[in-house]
Protein backbone atom coordinates (compact mmCIF):
# COMPACT_ATOMS: atom_id res chain seq x y z
CA MET A 1 30.04 18.58 -19.93
CA ASN A 2 30.43 22.02 -18.49
CA SER A 3 33.52 23.27 -17.06
CA ARG A 4 34.46 24.03 -13.54
CA LYS A 5 34.29 27.50 -14.36
CA ALA A 6 30.77 27.23 -16.00
CA GLN A 7 29.50 25.04 -12.85
CA LEU A 8 30.57 27.54 -10.43
CA GLU A 9 29.27 30.54 -12.74
CA ALA A 10 25.82 28.71 -12.79
CA PHE A 11 25.96 28.36 -9.10
CA ASP A 12 26.79 32.01 -8.70
CA ARG A 13 23.69 32.83 -11.02
CA LEU A 14 21.40 30.70 -8.70
CA LEU A 15 22.57 32.57 -5.67
CA THR A 16 21.85 35.70 -7.40
CA ILE A 17 18.42 34.81 -8.70
CA MET A 18 17.45 33.71 -5.26
CA ASP A 19 18.48 37.19 -3.89
CA GLU A 20 16.17 38.89 -6.42
CA LEU A 21 13.18 36.59 -5.79
CA ARG A 22 13.60 37.06 -1.93
CA SER A 23 13.60 40.76 -2.05
CA GLU A 24 11.25 41.13 -5.09
CA CYS A 25 8.64 38.44 -5.14
CA PRO A 26 5.58 38.53 -2.59
CA TRP A 27 5.49 34.38 -2.39
CA ASP A 28 9.29 34.09 -1.99
CA LYS A 29 9.33 36.74 0.41
CA LYS A 30 6.92 35.20 2.49
CA GLN A 31 8.58 31.84 3.04
CA THR A 32 10.05 30.44 6.03
CA ILE A 33 12.18 27.30 6.69
CA GLU A 34 9.07 25.70 8.41
CA SER A 35 6.99 26.59 5.27
CA LEU A 36 9.53 25.00 2.84
CA ARG A 37 9.64 21.74 4.52
CA HIS A 38 6.65 20.01 3.33
CA LEU A 39 7.68 20.99 -0.23
CA THR A 40 10.92 20.03 0.09
CA ILE A 41 9.98 16.49 1.15
CA GLU A 42 7.68 16.52 -2.00
CA GLU A 43 10.50 17.15 -4.28
CA THR A 44 12.57 14.59 -2.77
CA TYR A 45 9.90 12.02 -3.56
CA GLU A 46 9.61 13.30 -7.07
CA LEU A 47 13.48 12.85 -7.26
CA GLY A 48 13.12 9.54 -6.13
CA ASP A 49 10.47 8.57 -8.55
CA ALA A 50 12.52 9.96 -11.59
CA ILE A 51 15.39 7.77 -10.51
CA LEU A 52 13.35 4.64 -10.28
CA GLU A 53 12.07 5.42 -13.71
CA ASN A 54 15.62 6.13 -14.91
CA ASP A 55 14.32 9.22 -16.57
CA LEU A 56 17.52 11.16 -16.38
CA ASP A 57 16.45 14.37 -18.15
CA GLU A 58 13.58 14.24 -15.26
CA VAL A 59 16.49 13.58 -12.56
CA LYS A 60 18.32 16.53 -13.73
CA LYS A 61 15.27 18.74 -13.27
CA GLU A 62 14.21 17.46 -9.82
CA LEU A 63 18.10 17.94 -8.85
CA GLY A 64 17.40 21.60 -9.83
CA ASP A 65 14.50 21.91 -7.67
CA LEU A 66 16.14 20.57 -4.50
CA LEU A 67 19.19 22.52 -5.22
CA LEU A 68 17.00 25.42 -5.41
CA HIS A 69 15.31 24.48 -1.74
CA ILE A 70 18.87 24.04 -0.42
CA VAL A 71 19.85 27.86 -1.58
CA PHE A 72 16.47 28.91 -0.39
CA TYR A 73 17.11 27.76 3.26
CA ALA A 74 20.75 29.12 3.28
CA LYS A 75 19.42 32.47 2.27
CA ILE A 76 16.72 32.47 4.97
CA GLY A 77 19.58 31.30 7.36
CA SER A 78 21.69 34.21 6.24
CA GLU A 79 18.77 36.67 6.87
CA THR A 80 19.04 35.73 10.56
CA ASN A 81 22.70 35.71 10.75
CA ASP A 82 22.58 31.66 11.48
CA PHE A 83 24.21 30.57 8.40
CA ASP A 84 24.60 31.08 5.05
CA MET A 85 25.42 29.06 1.96
CA ALA A 86 29.32 29.20 2.52
CA ASP A 87 28.59 27.76 6.01
CA VAL A 88 26.33 24.86 4.60
CA ALA A 89 29.29 24.08 1.95
CA ASN A 90 32.20 24.12 4.28
CA GLY A 91 30.43 22.29 6.85
CA ILE A 92 29.70 19.36 4.65
CA CYS A 93 33.24 19.67 3.38
CA ASP A 94 34.71 19.57 6.85
CA LYS A 95 32.41 16.48 7.60
CA LEU A 96 33.67 14.64 4.48
CA ILE A 97 37.26 15.16 5.09
CA SER A 98 36.70 14.11 8.83
CA ARG A 99 34.72 11.05 8.17
CA HIS A 100 37.29 9.90 5.28
CA PRO A 101 40.82 9.56 7.03
CA HIS A 102 41.53 6.81 4.71
CA ILE A 103 41.63 9.57 1.84
CA TYR A 104 42.66 12.55 3.93
CA SER A 105 44.79 11.07 6.56
CA ASP A 106 46.91 7.71 7.07
CA VAL A 107 44.10 5.28 7.94
CA GLU A 108 44.16 2.37 5.78
CA VAL A 109 40.77 0.27 4.65
CA LYS A 110 40.09 -2.92 2.99
CA ASP A 111 36.89 -2.40 1.67
CA GLU A 112 33.38 -0.62 1.55
CA GLU A 113 32.26 -2.33 5.06
CA ASP A 114 35.71 -0.79 6.41
CA VAL A 115 34.71 2.36 5.58
CA LYS A 116 31.40 2.41 6.94
CA ARG A 117 32.37 0.95 10.30
CA ASN A 118 34.82 3.98 10.41
CA TRP A 119 32.04 6.31 9.53
CA GLU A 120 29.78 5.03 12.49
CA ASN A 121 32.71 5.10 15.03
CA LEU A 122 33.65 8.39 14.25
CA LYS A 123 30.46 9.73 14.75
CA LEU A 124 30.35 8.29 18.15
CA LYS A 125 33.63 9.98 18.79
CA GLU A 126 32.16 13.32 17.76
CA GLY A 127 29.60 13.10 20.65
CA LYS A 128 26.78 11.18 19.35
CA LYS A 129 25.59 8.74 22.26
CA SER A 130 23.99 6.16 19.78
CA VAL A 131 24.73 5.13 16.36
CA LEU A 132 20.84 5.58 15.81
CA GLU A 133 20.99 9.22 16.43
CA GLY A 134 21.07 9.75 12.77
CA VAL A 135 17.99 7.82 11.70
CA PRO A 136 15.24 10.55 11.29
CA LYS A 137 11.89 9.85 13.32
CA GLY A 138 9.74 10.79 10.34
CA LEU A 139 11.26 8.29 7.95
CA PRO A 140 8.65 5.66 6.47
CA ALA A 141 9.06 2.60 8.82
CA LEU A 142 10.23 0.43 5.63
CA VAL A 143 13.17 2.91 4.99
CA LYS A 144 13.71 3.38 8.75
CA ALA A 145 14.01 -0.52 9.25
CA ASN A 146 16.80 -0.45 6.52
CA ARG A 147 18.84 2.24 8.05
CA ILE A 148 18.52 1.12 11.52
CA GLN A 149 20.10 -2.30 10.23
CA ASP A 150 22.38 -0.80 8.15
CA LYS A 151 23.85 1.53 10.91
CA VAL A 152 23.93 -1.38 13.61
CA ALA A 153 25.81 -3.21 11.12
CA GLY A 154 28.43 -0.50 10.60
CA VAL A 155 29.47 -1.30 14.27
CA GLY A 156 29.49 -4.91 13.98
CA PHE A 157 26.07 -6.06 15.19
CA ASP A 158 25.25 -8.16 12.24
CA TRP A 159 24.79 -11.78 11.17
CA GLU A 160 27.74 -13.55 9.55
CA GLU A 161 26.01 -14.92 6.69
CA PRO A 162 22.78 -14.66 4.41
CA ALA A 163 21.72 -18.07 5.28
CA GLN A 164 21.51 -17.09 8.93
CA VAL A 165 19.14 -14.08 8.25
CA TRP A 166 16.97 -16.55 6.11
CA GLU A 167 16.61 -19.00 8.97
CA LYS A 168 15.64 -16.02 11.16
CA LEU A 169 12.87 -15.12 8.60
CA GLU A 170 11.85 -18.42 8.40
CA GLU A 171 11.29 -18.79 12.17
CA GLU A 172 9.64 -15.21 12.11
CA LEU A 173 7.25 -16.66 9.67
CA GLN A 174 6.33 -19.46 11.60
CA GLU A 175 5.62 -17.51 14.65
CA PHE A 176 3.47 -15.18 12.60
CA LYS A 177 1.57 -18.24 11.09
CA GLU A 178 1.10 -19.64 14.88
CA GLU A 179 -0.43 -16.28 15.96
CA VAL A 180 -2.72 -16.36 12.92
CA ALA A 181 -4.16 -19.46 14.07
CA LYS A 182 -4.79 -18.04 17.32
CA ASP A 183 -6.42 -15.10 15.58
CA ASP A 184 -4.73 -12.73 18.38
CA LYS A 185 -4.89 -9.46 16.40
CA GLU A 186 -1.99 -7.52 18.62
CA ALA A 187 0.38 -10.57 18.59
CA MET A 188 -0.38 -11.05 14.85
CA GLU A 189 0.36 -7.45 14.33
CA SER A 190 3.70 -7.91 16.36
CA GLU A 191 4.83 -10.95 14.55
CA PHE A 192 4.18 -9.51 10.97
CA GLY A 193 6.56 -6.55 12.03
CA ASP A 194 8.96 -9.09 12.96
CA VAL A 195 8.51 -10.75 9.42
CA LEU A 196 8.96 -7.61 7.76
CA PHE A 197 12.02 -6.64 9.62
CA SER A 198 13.65 -9.84 8.79
CA MET A 199 12.87 -9.47 5.30
CA ILE A 200 14.37 -6.14 5.13
CA ASN A 201 17.36 -7.46 6.66
CA TYR A 202 17.64 -10.20 4.33
CA ALA A 203 17.23 -7.80 1.44
CA ARG A 204 20.22 -5.79 2.88
CA PHE A 205 22.38 -9.11 2.68
CA LEU A 206 21.35 -9.63 -0.87
CA LYS A 207 22.14 -5.82 -1.87
CA ILE A 208 18.55 -5.09 -2.60
CA ASP A 209 17.06 -1.95 -1.42
CA PRO A 210 13.86 -2.92 -0.09
CA GLU A 211 12.14 0.39 -0.57
CA ASN A 212 13.04 0.51 -4.21
CA ALA A 213 11.97 -3.13 -4.63
CA LEU A 214 8.54 -2.36 -3.24
CA GLU A 215 8.05 0.89 -5.17
CA ARG A 216 8.94 -1.00 -8.42
CA THR A 217 6.30 -3.58 -7.79
CA ASN A 218 3.66 -0.80 -6.84
CA LYS A 219 4.46 0.79 -10.44
CA LYS A 220 4.18 -2.46 -12.17
CA PHE A 221 0.86 -3.34 -10.61
CA ILE A 222 -0.57 0.01 -11.26
CA LYS A 223 0.40 -0.25 -14.89
CA ARG A 224 -1.00 -3.48 -15.19
CA PHE A 225 -4.18 -2.63 -13.22
CA GLN A 226 -4.52 0.33 -15.46
CA TYR A 227 -4.44 -1.94 -18.60
CA LEU A 228 -7.07 -4.29 -17.18
CA GLU A 229 -9.30 -0.99 -16.59
CA GLN A 230 -8.74 -0.04 -20.36
CA LYS A 231 -9.50 -3.43 -21.76
CA ALA A 232 -12.82 -3.64 -19.50
CA ALA A 233 -13.76 0.09 -20.86
CA ALA A 234 -13.01 -1.17 -24.55
CA ILE A 235 -15.64 -3.99 -24.10
CA ASN A 236 -17.95 -1.60 -22.32
CA LYS A 237 -18.04 -3.70 -19.23
CA PRO A 238 -17.53 -2.50 -15.64
CA LEU A 239 -14.94 -4.30 -13.57
CA SER A 240 -17.44 -5.02 -11.02
CA ASP A 241 -19.38 -7.08 -13.53
CA MET A 242 -16.38 -9.02 -14.49
CA THR A 243 -15.42 -12.46 -13.21
CA LEU A 244 -11.99 -13.05 -11.68
CA ALA A 245 -11.42 -15.54 -14.50
CA GLU A 246 -12.36 -12.74 -17.16
CA MET A 247 -9.97 -10.10 -15.40
CA ASP A 248 -7.08 -12.54 -15.30
CA VAL A 249 -7.30 -12.90 -18.98
CA PHE A 250 -6.40 -9.29 -19.44
CA TRP A 251 -3.85 -9.21 -16.44
CA GLU A 252 -1.79 -12.20 -18.12
CA GLU A 253 -1.64 -9.87 -21.16
CA ALA A 254 -0.57 -7.04 -19.20
CA LYS A 255 2.25 -9.10 -17.82
CA LYS A 256 3.41 -9.97 -21.24
CA LEU A 257 3.61 -6.64 -22.30
């Protein structure tokens, strides 16, 4: 691993390159905070994919891409005298020190849950009106539900045992089933949302990240279906001409692989 000196030199090198690109490259000179936004989101998802695949070399590369974006934003901010890289770094350092009084002050904590409760309470003392203010509006619904539940749990609004959450999930499933029987589309959608919300809550109690779990299943399904497509192509038979029983043979093969 590189020394602290080497790490600082590498970061300084990146800052220097950013200065040069911003002054000399037509594309880099044209970028704004707004134009970079969608690219940053894309890079974040690419990092997420690399993490799920446990491809550490790719994780390293994607972290570099994200770091470039952070430096890019800071460079643009410095040009308008709003903030620079030092402001960004010092801002997060100050926040971390403030939010960790059990490390930098005399507050005592017993476990991770105590730390999370202190974190949310400190944010309220800093002037936030709601613990849910920190949940970005643009998050995908699945991720947002998980963050909402995690944050309210941080101030004590939570179930006591996983069994209670499971009972709630069963209750929501029954209500959904009743609305399906009535064929009330609006009520069905509402109850289905409640089912998903309860499932995400139960996953949280089991220390399962629902977004990761679903994405792993997505990837698994894609691999198996593509295997099915390859096998169908090998026997020169379109999937549309195959029976479910025929497709299921290849599907079971894919599961074994």
